[in-house]
């Protein structure tokens, strides 16, 4: 059992040594853009749901819920 753990540890160290690297500036910027897109998506979902809850009788309430559902599913709804 100890041999198996040692082998896995050695393999993990080898993989990290060959594959781990600092992120480039482009990778960092893309990660930040993705975080911003996710924040905007979550904010939009929240706003659509709040609109539908606040004005349930408004004809656009169902449209707002549909847009929130589409955003939650990961696809934009126009």
Protein backbone atom coordinates (compact mmCIF):
# COMPACT_ATOMS: atom_id res chain seq x y z
CA UNK A 1 0.00 0.00 0.00
CA UNK A 2 2.86 2.33 0.83
CA UNK A 3 4.47 1.60 -2.54
CA UNK A 4 1.31 2.61 -4.37
CA UNK A 5 1.12 5.90 -2.45
CA UNK A 6 4.78 6.58 -3.22
CA UNK A 7 4.24 5.88 -6.92
CA UNK A 8 1.23 8.20 -7.09
CA UNK A 9 3.12 10.92 -5.23
CA UNK A 10 6.09 10.61 -7.58
CA UNK A 11 3.78 10.70 -10.60
CA UNK A 12 2.01 13.80 -9.30
CA UNK A 13 5.32 15.58 -8.71
CA UNK A 14 6.55 14.62 -12.18
CA UNK A 15 3.36 15.85 -13.83
CA UNK A 16 3.45 19.11 -11.92
CA UNK A 17 7.11 19.67 -12.72
CA UNK A 18 6.49 19.22 -16.44
CA UNK A 19 3.02 20.70 -16.75
CA UNK A 20 2.72 23.39 -14.10
CA UNK A 21 3.63 26.89 -15.16
CA UNK A 22 2.76 30.44 -14.43
CA UNK A 23 -0.19 31.84 -16.33
CA UNK A 24 0.66 34.20 -19.14
CA UNK A 25 -0.78 37.71 -19.15
CA UNK A 26 -3.18 36.69 -21.92
CA UNK A 27 -4.40 33.73 -19.85
CA UNK A 28 -4.86 35.96 -16.81
CA UNK A 29 -6.84 38.51 -18.85
CA UNK A 30 -9.04 35.79 -20.35
CA UNK A 31 -9.72 34.40 -16.87
CA UNK A 32 -10.73 37.86 -15.65
CA UNK A 33 -13.01 38.34 -18.68
CA UNK A 34 -14.65 34.99 -17.96
CA UNK A 35 -15.17 35.94 -14.31
CA UNK A 36 -16.78 39.21 -15.42
CA UNK A 37 -19.06 37.40 -17.89
CA UNK A 38 -20.12 35.00 -15.13
CA UNK A 39 -20.80 37.88 -12.73
CA UNK A 40 -22.89 39.68 -15.36
CA UNK A 41 -24.79 36.49 -16.14
CA UNK A 42 -25.57 35.87 -12.45
CA UNK A 43 -26.61 39.51 -12.00
CA UNK A 44 -28.93 39.33 -15.00
CA UNK A 45 -30.52 36.10 -13.76
CA UNK A 46 -31.15 37.69 -10.38
CA UNK A 47 -32.60 40.86 -11.93
CA UNK A 48 -34.95 38.92 -14.25
CA UNK A 49 -36.23 36.82 -11.36
CA UNK A 50 -36.74 39.87 -9.15
CA UNK A 51 -38.65 41.62 -11.93
CA UNK A 52 -40.96 38.62 -12.35
CA UNK A 53 -41.51 38.35 -8.58
CA UNK A 54 -42.19 42.07 -8.14
CA UNK A 55 -44.56 42.33 -11.11
CA UNK A 56 -46.09 38.85 -11.54
CA UNK A 57 -49.13 40.16 -13.45
CA UNK A 58 -47.06 42.05 -16.00
CA UNK A 59 -47.10 40.29 -19.38
CA UNK A 60 -43.30 40.59 -19.50
CA UNK A 61 -42.88 38.64 -16.26
CA UNK A 62 -43.01 35.32 -18.11
CA UNK A 63 -40.52 36.65 -20.65
CA UNK A 64 -38.18 37.65 -17.82
CA UNK A 65 -38.43 34.17 -16.28
CA UNK A 66 -37.73 32.59 -19.68
CA UNK A 67 -34.62 34.75 -20.08
CA UNK A 68 -33.44 33.83 -16.57
CA UNK A 69 -33.98 30.15 -17.31
CA UNK A 70 -32.07 30.41 -20.59
CA UNK A 71 -29.16 32.14 -18.88
CA UNK A 72 -29.12 29.48 -16.18
CA UNK A 73 -28.95 26.83 -18.88
CA UNK A 74 -25.97 28.62 -20.40
CA UNK A 75 -27.55 29.92 -23.56
CA UNK A 76 -28.57 33.53 -24.21
CA UNK A 77 -32.24 34.21 -24.87
CA UNK A 78 -33.12 37.21 -27.07
